[in-house]
Amino acid sequence: MSEFIAEIDKATKEYSIGNAHFQALKGVSLKIRKGEFVSIMGPSGSGKSTLLHLLGCLDVPSSGEVFLDGMPVSKMNEDQLAEARNRTIGFVFQAFNLAPTLTVFKNVELPLIIREMDETERTGIVEERLSGVGLSPKRDNMPSQLSGGERQRVAIARALANSPLMILADEPTGNLDSESGKEVMDFLSRLWKEKKITVIIVTHEPVVAGYSERVVHLRDGLIEKEELQKPRIAKDGSSIKIKPL
């Protein structure tokens, strides 16, 4: 087993629209250790989200290689890749990406249904995850009946449904007010500290990046610099408690 949960080796990514070509990444190499909390920062168009999508196997590089827990992604077939994504990675997006016609409970249950898990086992896990993010009383609510912070907490519960080794979050506080954003980041911070889950966040906010122990700065599709720092650790006392995964 590799000490790195995700690696990118000399990856490029090019997009074409008609006759126009845009190179989002220009030979980026990056290694993420298991249990690490990393922030990816950079101006708009620097390649932040593209890099996160490669780390999460949501996209493939134009050249170079991506490794997931030591395994080259290019060698995986579609079934193997889907299985690796489902069991290894939990995704949290700025726009929440909740199914608007499903209840909170059903949204969190979706990844377990995809795994064809037994209904009784699914129910127990979903109840645990909702309790973990403080939303058990709203299990039957629709996403439209929740605040932005609550919707993001549902998205986090869904990301945790399969007990992943790594959480990837793309601007997780981008649609939240400062109080809700702090609550979400405090939860992710405690999750990382107490459960040793790898957390990778794309953000343009220094306050959010302050929760991580390493900051990777991108500019024009290249890693400009990396910084190690003492992470901001959330103090306990929040209404959201970490439950066993």
C-alpha atoms as a PDB file:
ATOM      1  CA  MET A   1       0.000   0.000   0.000  1.00  0.00           C
ATOM      2  CA  SER A   2       1.212   3.487  -0.870  1.00  0.00           C
ATOM      3  CA  GLU A   3       1.733   6.207   1.737  1.00  0.00           C
ATOM      4  CA  PHE A   4       0.010   8.537  -0.742  1.00  0.00           C
ATOM      5  CA  ILE A   5      -3.746   8.454  -1.191  1.00  0.00           C
ATOM      6  CA  ALA A   6      -3.514  10.414  -4.465  1.00  0.00           C
ATOM      7  CA  GLU A   7      -0.684  11.350  -6.822  1.00  0.00           C
ATOM      8  CA  ILE A   8      -0.452  13.299 -10.041  1.00  0.00           C
ATOM      9  CA  ASP A   9       2.658  12.885 -12.183  1.00  0.00           C
ATOM     10  CA  LYS A  10       3.461  15.457 -14.890  1.00  0.00           C
ATOM     11  CA  ALA A  11      -0.213  15.910 -15.738  1.00  0.00           C
ATOM     12  CA  THR A  12      -1.425  18.207 -18.468  1.00  0.00           C
ATOM     13  CA  LYS A  13      -5.039  18.971 -19.319  1.00  0.00           C
ATOM     14  CA  GLU A  14      -6.143  20.631 -22.525  1.00  0.00           C
ATOM     15  CA  TYR A  15      -9.638  21.659 -23.536  1.00  0.00           C
ATOM     16  CA  SER A  16     -10.765  22.450 -27.068  1.00  0.00           C
ATOM     17  CA  ILE A  17     -13.781  24.522 -28.042  1.00  0.00           C
ATOM     18  CA  GLY A  18     -14.050  24.729 -31.804  1.00  0.00           C
ATOM     19  CA  ASN A  19     -10.676  25.925 -33.042  1.00  0.00           C
ATOM     20  CA  ALA A  20      -9.716  27.357 -29.668  1.00  0.00           C
ATOM     21  CA  HIS A  21      -7.438  25.400 -27.335  1.00  0.00           C
ATOM     22  CA  PHE A  22      -6.867  26.054 -23.644  1.00  0.00           C
ATOM     23  CA  GLN A  23      -4.294  24.290 -21.488  1.00  0.00           C
ATOM     24  CA  ALA A  24      -5.644  24.238 -17.935  1.00  0.00           C
ATOM     25  CA  LEU A  25      -2.697  22.286 -16.481  1.00  0.00           C
ATOM     26  CA  LYS A  26       0.859  22.309 -17.816  1.00  0.00           C
ATOM     27  CA  GLY A  27       2.757  19.345 -16.377  1.00  0.00           C
ATOM     28  CA  VAL A  28       1.702  19.380 -12.729  1.00  0.00           C
ATOM     29  CA  SER A  29       3.050  16.860 -10.220  1.00  0.00           C
ATOM     30  CA  LEU A  30       1.565  16.575  -6.736  1.00  0.00           C
ATOM     31  CA  LYS A  31       1.459  13.951  -3.977  1.00  0.00           C
ATOM     32  CA  ILE A  32      -1.135  13.833  -1.208  1.00  0.00           C
ATOM     33  CA  ARG A  33      -0.306  11.760   1.866  1.00  0.00           C
ATOM     34  CA  LYS A  34      -2.941   9.762   3.680  1.00  0.00           C
ATOM     35  CA  GLY A  35      -4.418  11.797   6.505  1.00  0.00           C
ATOM     36  CA  GLU A  36      -3.226  15.125   5.103  1.00  0.00           C
ATOM     37  CA  PHE A  37      -5.291  18.333   4.945  1.00  0.00           C
ATOM     38  CA  VAL A  38      -4.385  20.294   1.796  1.00  0.00           C
ATOM     39  CA  SER A  39      -5.777  23.505   0.333  1.00  0.00           C
ATOM     40  CA  ILE A  40      -5.412  24.397  -3.349  1.00  0.00           C
ATOM     41  CA  MET A  41      -5.466  28.128  -4.041  1.00  0.00           C
ATOM     42  CA  GLY A  42      -5.039  30.370  -7.062  1.00  0.00           C
ATOM     43  CA  PRO A  43      -6.772  33.014  -9.162  1.00  0.00           C
ATOM     44  CA  SER A  44      -9.672  32.214 -11.459  1.00  0.00           C
ATOM     45  CA  GLY A  45      -8.482  30.121 -14.397  1.00  0.00           C
ATOM     46  CA  SER A  46      -5.358  28.888 -12.602  1.00  0.00           C
ATOM     47  CA  GLY A  47      -6.418  25.229 -12.868  1.00  0.00           C
ATOM     48  CA  LYS A  48      -7.617  24.643  -9.278  1.00  0.00           C
ATOM     49  CA  SER A  49     -10.835  22.798 -10.070  1.00  0.00           C
ATOM     50  CA  THR A  50      -9.206  20.898 -12.936  1.00  0.00           C
ATOM     51  CA  LEU A  51      -6.534  19.637 -10.552  1.00  0.00           C
ATOM     52  CA  LEU A  52      -9.179  18.604  -8.005  1.00  0.00           C
ATOM     53  CA  HIS A  53     -11.135  16.746 -10.689  1.00  0.00           C
ATOM     54  CA  LEU A  54      -8.023  14.807 -11.662  1.00  0.00           C
ATOM     55  CA  LEU A  55      -7.296  13.946  -8.022  1.00  0.00           C
ATOM     56  CA  GLY A  56     -10.871  12.729  -7.687  1.00  0.00           C
ATOM     57  CA  CYS A  57     -10.802  10.760 -10.945  1.00  0.00           C
ATOM     58  CA  LEU A  58     -13.701  12.817 -12.288  1.00  0.00           C
ATOM     59  CA  ASP A  59     -11.563  13.616 -15.322  1.00  0.00           C
ATOM     60  CA  VAL A  60      -8.447  12.196 -16.986  1.00  0.00           C
ATOM     61  CA  PRO A  61      -5.292  14.093 -17.924  1.00  0.00           C
ATOM     62  CA  SER A  62      -4.381  14.811 -21.541  1.00  0.00           C
ATOM     63  CA  SER A  63      -0.951  13.437 -20.641  1.00  0.00           C
ATOM     64  CA  GLY A  64       0.731  12.252 -17.478  1.00  0.00           C
ATOM     65  CA  GLU A  65      -0.660   9.866 -14.887  1.00  0.00           C
ATOM     66  CA  VAL A  66      -2.944   9.890 -11.857  1.00  0.00           C
ATOM     67  CA  PHE A  67      -2.539   7.342  -9.053  1.00  0.00           C
ATOM     68  CA  LEU A  68      -5.223   6.487  -6.513  1.00  0.00           C
ATOM     69  CA  ASP A  69      -3.840   4.737  -3.434  1.00  0.00           C
ATOM     70  CA  GLY A  70      -0.805   3.697  -5.486  1.00  0.00           C
ATOM     71  CA  MET A  71      -2.770   2.334  -8.455  1.00  0.00           C
ATOM     72  CA  PRO A  72      -2.459   4.031 -11.874  1.00  0.00           C
ATOM     73  CA  VAL A  73      -5.918   5.212 -12.867  1.00  0.00           C
ATOM     74  CA  SER A  74      -5.161   4.688 -16.579  1.00  0.00           C
ATOM     75  CA  LYS A  75      -4.921   0.939 -15.904  1.00  0.00           C
ATOM     76  CA  MET A  76      -8.387   0.721 -14.345  1.00  0.00           C
ATOM     77  CA  ASN A  77     -11.440  -0.234 -16.388  1.00  0.00           C
ATOM     78  CA  GLU A  78     -14.701   1.679 -15.933  1.00  0.00           C
ATOM     79  CA  ASP A  79     -16.046  -0.675 -13.281  1.00  0.00           C
ATOM     80  CA  GLN A  80     -12.820  -0.579 -11.278  1.00  0.00           C
ATOM     81  CA  LEU A  81     -12.671   3.194 -11.496  1.00  0.00           C
ATOM     82  CA  ALA A  82     -16.301   3.599 -10.416  1.00  0.00           C
ATOM     83  CA  GLU A  83     -15.706   1.260  -7.483  1.00  0.00           C
ATOM     84  CA  ALA A  84     -12.528   3.102  -6.458  1.00  0.00           C
ATOM     85  CA  ARG A  85     -14.282   6.470  -6.620  1.00  0.00           C
ATOM     86  CA  ASN A  86     -17.295   5.245  -4.699  1.00  0.00           C
ATOM     87  CA  ARG A  87     -15.322   3.661  -1.871  1.00  0.00           C
ATOM     88  CA  THR A  88     -12.279   5.930  -1.643  1.00  0.00           C
ATOM     89  CA  ILE A  89     -13.535   9.448  -2.368  1.00  0.00           C
ATOM     90  CA  GLY A  90     -16.312  11.653  -1.023  1.00  0.00           C
ATOM     91  CA  PHE A  91     -17.141  14.812  -2.992  1.00  0.00           C
ATOM     92  CA  VAL A  92     -18.466  18.134  -1.663  1.00  0.00           C
ATOM     93  CA  PHE A  93     -19.287  20.891  -4.155  1.00  0.00           C
ATOM     94  CA  GLN A  94     -19.981  24.608  -3.885  1.00  0.00           C
ATOM     95  CA  ALA A  95     -23.489  24.206  -5.338  1.00  0.00           C
ATOM     96  CA  PHE A  96     -24.263  21.275  -2.973  1.00  0.00           C
ATOM     97  CA  ASN A  97     -25.434  19.068  -5.915  1.00  0.00           C
ATOM     98  CA  LEU A  98     -28.356  17.647  -3.956  1.00  0.00           C
ATOM     99  CA  ALA A  99     -31.242  16.005  -5.803  1.00  0.00           C
ATOM    100  CA  PRO A 100     -34.062  18.555  -5.346  1.00  0.00           C
ATOM    101  CA  THR A 101     -36.866  15.980  -5.545  1.00  0.00           C
ATOM    102  CA  LEU A 102     -35.398  13.710  -2.858  1.00  0.00           C
ATOM    103  CA  THR A 103     -35.553  14.136   0.904  1.00  0.00           C
ATOM    104  CA  VAL A 104     -32.471  14.757   3.006  1.00  0.00           C
ATOM    105  CA  PHE A 105     -32.467  11.072   3.966  1.00  0.00           C
ATOM    106  CA  LYS A 106     -32.730   9.874   0.367  1.00  0.00           C
ATOM    107  CA  ASN A 107     -29.958  12.222  -0.788  1.00  0.00           C
ATOM    108  CA  VAL A 108     -27.543  10.753   1.753  1.00  0.00           C
ATOM    109  CA  GLU A 109     -28.700   7.238   0.908  1.00  0.00           C
ATOM    110  CA  LEU A 110     -27.932   7.526  -2.832  1.00  0.00           C
ATOM    111  CA  PRO A 111     -24.264   6.368  -2.747  1.00  0.00           C
ATOM    112  CA  LEU A 112     -25.300   3.306  -0.733  1.00  0.00           C
ATOM    113  CA  ILE A 113     -28.067   2.444  -3.195  1.00  0.00           C
ATOM    114  CA  ILE A 114     -25.486   2.622  -5.982  1.00  0.00           C
ATOM    115  CA  ARG A 115     -23.441   0.080  -4.021  1.00  0.00           C
ATOM    116  CA  GLU A 116     -26.556  -2.112  -3.834  1.00  0.00           C
ATOM    117  CA  MET A 117     -26.288  -2.247  -0.055  1.00  0.00           C
ATOM    118  CA  ASP A 118     -29.020  -3.972   1.959  1.00  0.00           C
ATOM    119  CA  GLU A 119     -31.800  -1.568   3.010  1.00  0.00           C
ATOM    120  CA  THR A 120     -31.438  -2.226   6.728  1.00  0.00           C
ATOM    121  CA  GLU A 121     -27.708  -1.535   6.613  1.00  0.00           C
ATOM    122  CA  ARG A 122     -28.285   1.575   4.477  1.00  0.00           C
ATOM    123  CA  THR A 123     -30.789   2.961   6.952  1.00  0.00           C
ATOM    124  CA  GLY A 124     -28.424   2.560   9.867  1.00  0.00           C
ATOM    125  CA  ILE A 125     -25.562   4.291   8.062  1.00  0.00           C
ATOM    126  CA  VAL A 126     -27.696   7.201   6.854  1.00  0.00           C
ATOM    127  CA  GLU A 127     -29.082   7.765  10.340  1.00  0.00           C
ATOM    128  CA  GLU A 128     -25.525   7.796  11.718  1.00  0.00           C
ATOM    129  CA  ARG A 129     -24.304  10.268   9.120  1.00  0.00           C
ATOM    130  CA  LEU A 130     -27.241  12.638   9.610  1.00  0.00           C
ATOM    131  CA  SER A 131     -26.752  12.488  13.360  1.00  0.00           C
ATOM    132  CA  GLY A 132     -23.062  13.226  12.780  1.00  0.00           C
ATOM    133  CA  VAL A 133     -23.829  16.510  11.006  1.00  0.00           C
ATOM    134  CA  GLY A 134     -26.655  17.458  13.375  1.00  0.00           C
ATOM    135  CA  LEU A 135     -29.512  17.020  10.890  1.00  0.00           C
ATOM    136  CA  SER A 136     -31.455  14.008  12.148  1.00  0.00           C
ATOM    137  CA  PRO A 137     -34.566  16.143  12.843  1.00  0.00           C
ATOM    138  CA  LYS A 138     -34.641  17.236   9.184  1.00  0.00           C
ATOM    139  CA  ARG A 139     -34.297  13.809   7.579  1.00  0.00           C
ATOM    140  CA  ASP A 140     -37.666  14.134   5.812  1.00  0.00           C
ATOM    141  CA  ASN A 141     -37.175  17.712   4.635  1.00  0.00           C
ATOM    142  CA  MET A 142     -36.558  18.592   1.008  1.00  0.00           C
ATOM    143  CA  PRO A 143     -33.348  20.514   0.144  1.00  0.00           C
ATOM    144  CA  SER A 144     -35.414  23.621  -0.660  1.00  0.00           C
ATOM    145  CA  GLN A 145     -36.552  23.697   2.975  1.00  0.00           C
ATOM    146  CA  LEU A 146     -32.992  23.964   4.304  1.00  0.00           C
ATOM    147  CA  SER A 147     -30.581  26.848   4.738  1.00  0.00           C
ATOM    148  CA  GLY A 148     -27.406  26.940   2.664  1.00  0.00           C
ATOM    149  CA  GLY A 149     -25.339  25.736   5.602  1.00  0.00           C
ATOM    150  CA  GLU A 150     -27.718  22.852   6.229  1.00  0.00           C
ATOM    151  CA  ARG A 151     -27.626  21.827   2.577  1.00  0.00           C
ATOM    152  CA  GLN A 152     -23.849  21.752   2.658  1.00  0.00           C
ATOM    153  CA  ARG A 153     -23.969  19.611   5.785  1.00  0.00           C
ATOM    154  CA  VAL A 154     -26.280  17.180   3.935  1.00  0.00           C
ATOM    155  CA  ALA A 155     -23.713  17.124   1.110  1.00  0.00           C
ATOM    156  CA  ILE A 156     -20.988  16.307   3.646  1.00  0.00           C
ATOM    157  CA  ALA A 157     -23.115  13.536   5.168  1.00  0.00           C
ATOM    158  CA  ARG A 158     -23.619  12.110   1.679  1.00  0.00           C
ATOM    159  CA  ALA A 159     -19.870  12.348   0.993  1.00  0.00           C
ATOM    160  CA  LEU A 160     -19.251  10.370   4.187  1.00  0.00           C
ATOM    161  CA  ALA A 161     -21.851   7.689   3.451  1.00  0.00           C
ATOM    162  CA  ASN A 162     -19.328   5.162   2.137  1.00  0.00           C
ATOM    163  CA  SER A 163     -16.713   5.930   4.830  1.00  0.00           C
ATOM    164  CA  PRO A 164     -14.247   7.295   2.256  1.00  0.00           C
ATOM    165  CA  LEU A 165     -10.526   7.685   2.804  1.00  0.00           C
ATOM    166  CA  MET A 166     -10.538  11.142   1.222  1.00  0.00           C
ATOM    167  CA  ILE A 167     -12.892  14.142   1.048  1.00  0.00           C
ATOM    168  CA  LEU A 168     -12.560  16.484  -1.945  1.00  0.00           C
ATOM    169  CA  ALA A 169     -14.301  19.830  -1.559  1.00  0.00           C
ATOM    170  CA  ASP A 170     -14.573  22.438  -4.326  1.00  0.00           C
ATOM    171  CA  GLU A 171     -15.231  25.872  -2.779  1.00  0.00           C
ATOM    172  CA  PRO A 172     -17.354  24.300  -0.002  1.00  0.00           C
ATOM    173  CA  THR A 173     -18.100  27.678   1.608  1.00  0.00           C
ATOM    174  CA  GLY A 174     -18.571  29.626  -1.634  1.00  0.00           C
ATOM    175  CA  ASN A 175     -22.381  29.822  -1.357  1.00  0.00           C
ATOM    176  CA  LEU A 176     -22.511  30.247   2.417  1.00  0.00           C
ATOM    177  CA  ASP A 177     -22.560  33.202   4.786  1.00  0.00           C
ATOM    178  CA  SER A 178     -19.543  33.544   7.067  1.00  0.00           C
ATOM    179  CA  GLU A 179     -21.178  31.858  10.068  1.00  0.00           C
ATOM    180  CA  SER A 180     -22.395  28.850   8.077  1.00  0.00           C
ATOM    181  CA  GLY A 181     -19.032  28.647   6.305  1.00  0.00           C
ATOM    182  CA  LYS A 182     -17.182  28.563   9.625  1.00  0.00           C
ATOM    183  CA  GLU A 183     -19.481  25.813  10.894  1.00  0.00           C
ATOM    184  CA  VAL A 184     -18.803  23.690   7.805  1.00  0.00           C
ATOM    185  CA  MET A 185     -15.045  24.239   8.002  1.00  0.00           C
ATOM    186  CA  ASP A 186     -14.970  23.535  11.735  1.00  0.00           C
ATOM    187  CA  PHE A 187     -16.714  20.234  11.032  1.00  0.00           C
ATOM    188  CA  LEU A 188     -14.267  19.281   8.262  1.00  0.00           C
ATOM    189  CA  SER A 189     -11.378  20.257  10.517  1.00  0.00           C
ATOM    190  CA  ARG A 190     -12.577  18.035  13.349  1.00  0.00           C
ATOM    191  CA  LEU A 191     -13.317  15.230  10.901  1.00  0.00           C
ATOM    192  CA  TRP A 192      -9.723  15.403   9.659  1.00  0.00           C
ATOM    193  CA  LYS A 193      -8.217  15.658  13.129  1.00  0.00           C
ATOM    194  CA  GLU A 194     -10.314  12.984  14.844  1.00  0.00           C
ATOM    195  CA  LYS A 195     -10.869  10.487  12.014  1.00  0.00           C
ATOM    196  CA  LYS A 196      -7.614  11.014  10.069  1.00  0.00           C
ATOM    197  CA  ILE A 197      -9.524  11.386   6.804  1.00  0.00           C
ATOM    198  CA  THR A 198      -7.591  13.090   4.006  1.00  0.00           C
ATOM    199  CA  VAL A 199      -9.186  16.438   3.134  1.00  0.00           C
ATOM    200  CA  ILE A 200      -8.411  18.408  -0.043  1.00  0.00           C
ATOM    201  CA  ILE A 201     -10.113  21.760  -0.539  1.00  0.00           C
ATOM    202  CA  VAL A 202     -10.119  24.172  -3.454  1.00  0.00           C
ATOM    203  CA  THR A 203     -10.683  27.695  -2.180  1.00  0.00           C
ATOM    204  CA  HIS A 204      -9.895  31.321  -2.900  1.00  0.00           C
ATOM    205  CA  GLU A 205     -10.447  32.304   0.741  1.00  0.00           C
ATOM    206  CA  PRO A 206      -7.359  32.552   2.985  1.00  0.00           C
ATOM    207  CA  VAL A 207      -9.520  31.941   6.065  1.00  0.00           C
ATOM    208  CA  VAL A 208     -10.652  28.598   4.640  1.00  0.00           C
ATOM    209  CA  ALA A 209      -7.116  27.672   3.579  1.00  0.00           C
ATOM    210  CA  GLY A 210      -6.028  28.411   7.138  1.00  0.00           C
ATOM    211  CA  TYR A 211      -7.612  25.145   8.285  1.00  0.00           C
ATOM    212  CA  SER A 212      -5.154  23.094   6.215  1.00  0.00           C
ATOM    213  CA  GLU A 213      -1.592  22.054   7.001  1.00  0.00           C
ATOM    214  CA  ARG A 214      -0.344  22.530   3.423  1.00  0.00           C
ATOM    215  CA  VAL A 215      -1.326  25.138   0.837  1.00  0.00           C
ATOM    216  CA  VAL A 216      -0.640  24.535  -2.860  1.00  0.00           C
ATOM    217  CA  HIS A 217      -0.683  27.731  -4.937  1.00  0.00           C
ATOM    218  CA  LEU A 218      -1.512  27.451  -8.648  1.00  0.00           C
ATOM    219  CA  ARG A 219      -1.053  30.058 -11.341  1.00  0.00           C
ATOM    220  CA  ASP A 220      -1.486  29.661 -15.095  1.00  0.00           C
ATOM    221  CA  GLY A 221      -1.753  25.872 -14.865  1.00  0.00           C
ATOM    222  CA  LEU A 222       1.420  25.392 -12.839  1.00  0.00           C
ATOM    223  CA  ILE A 223       2.225  24.983  -9.149  1.00  0.00           C
ATOM    224  CA  GLU A 224       3.704  28.336  -8.200  1.00  0.00           C
ATOM    225  CA  LYS A 225       4.661  27.392  -4.636  1.00  0.00           C
ATOM    226  CA  GLU A 226       3.699  25.235  -1.665  1.00  0.00           C
ATOM    227  CA  GLU A 227       3.531  26.334   1.960  1.00  0.00           C
ATOM    228  CA  LEU A 228       3.421  24.359   5.181  1.00  0.00           C
ATOM    229  CA  GLN A 229       1.560  25.990   8.033  1.00  0.00           C
ATOM    230  CA  LYS A 230       0.079  25.369  11.457  1.00  0.00           C
ATOM    231  CA  PRO A 231      -3.587  24.614  10.755  1.00  0.00           C
ATOM    232  CA  ARG A 232      -6.438  26.398  12.450  1.00  0.00           C
ATOM    233  CA  ILE A 233      -8.000  23.730  14.665  1.00  0.00           C
ATOM    234  CA  ALA A 234     -11.698  24.005  15.386  1.00  0.00           C
ATOM    235  CA  LYS A 235     -12.560  24.036  19.055  1.00  0.00           C
ATOM    236  CA  ASP A 236     -15.127  21.536  20.208  1.00  0.00           C
ATOM    237  CA  GLY A 237     -18.456  22.802  21.464  1.00  0.00           C
ATOM    238  CA  SER A 238     -20.344  23.003  18.184  1.00  0.00           C
ATOM    239  CA  SER A 239     -23.783  21.429  17.908  1.00  0.00           C
ATOM    240  CA  ILE A 240     -22.334  19.226  15.162  1.00  0.00           C
ATOM    241  CA  LYS A 241     -20.583  16.227  16.690  1.00  0.00           C
ATOM    242  CA  ILE A 242     -18.295  13.702  15.037  1.00  0.00           C
ATOM    243  CA  LYS A 243     -19.819  10.237  15.076  1.00  0.00           C
ATOM    244  CA  PRO A 244     -18.077   6.934  14.305  1.00  0.00           C
ATOM    245  CA  LEU A 245     -17.613   6.273  10.566  1.00  0.00           C
END
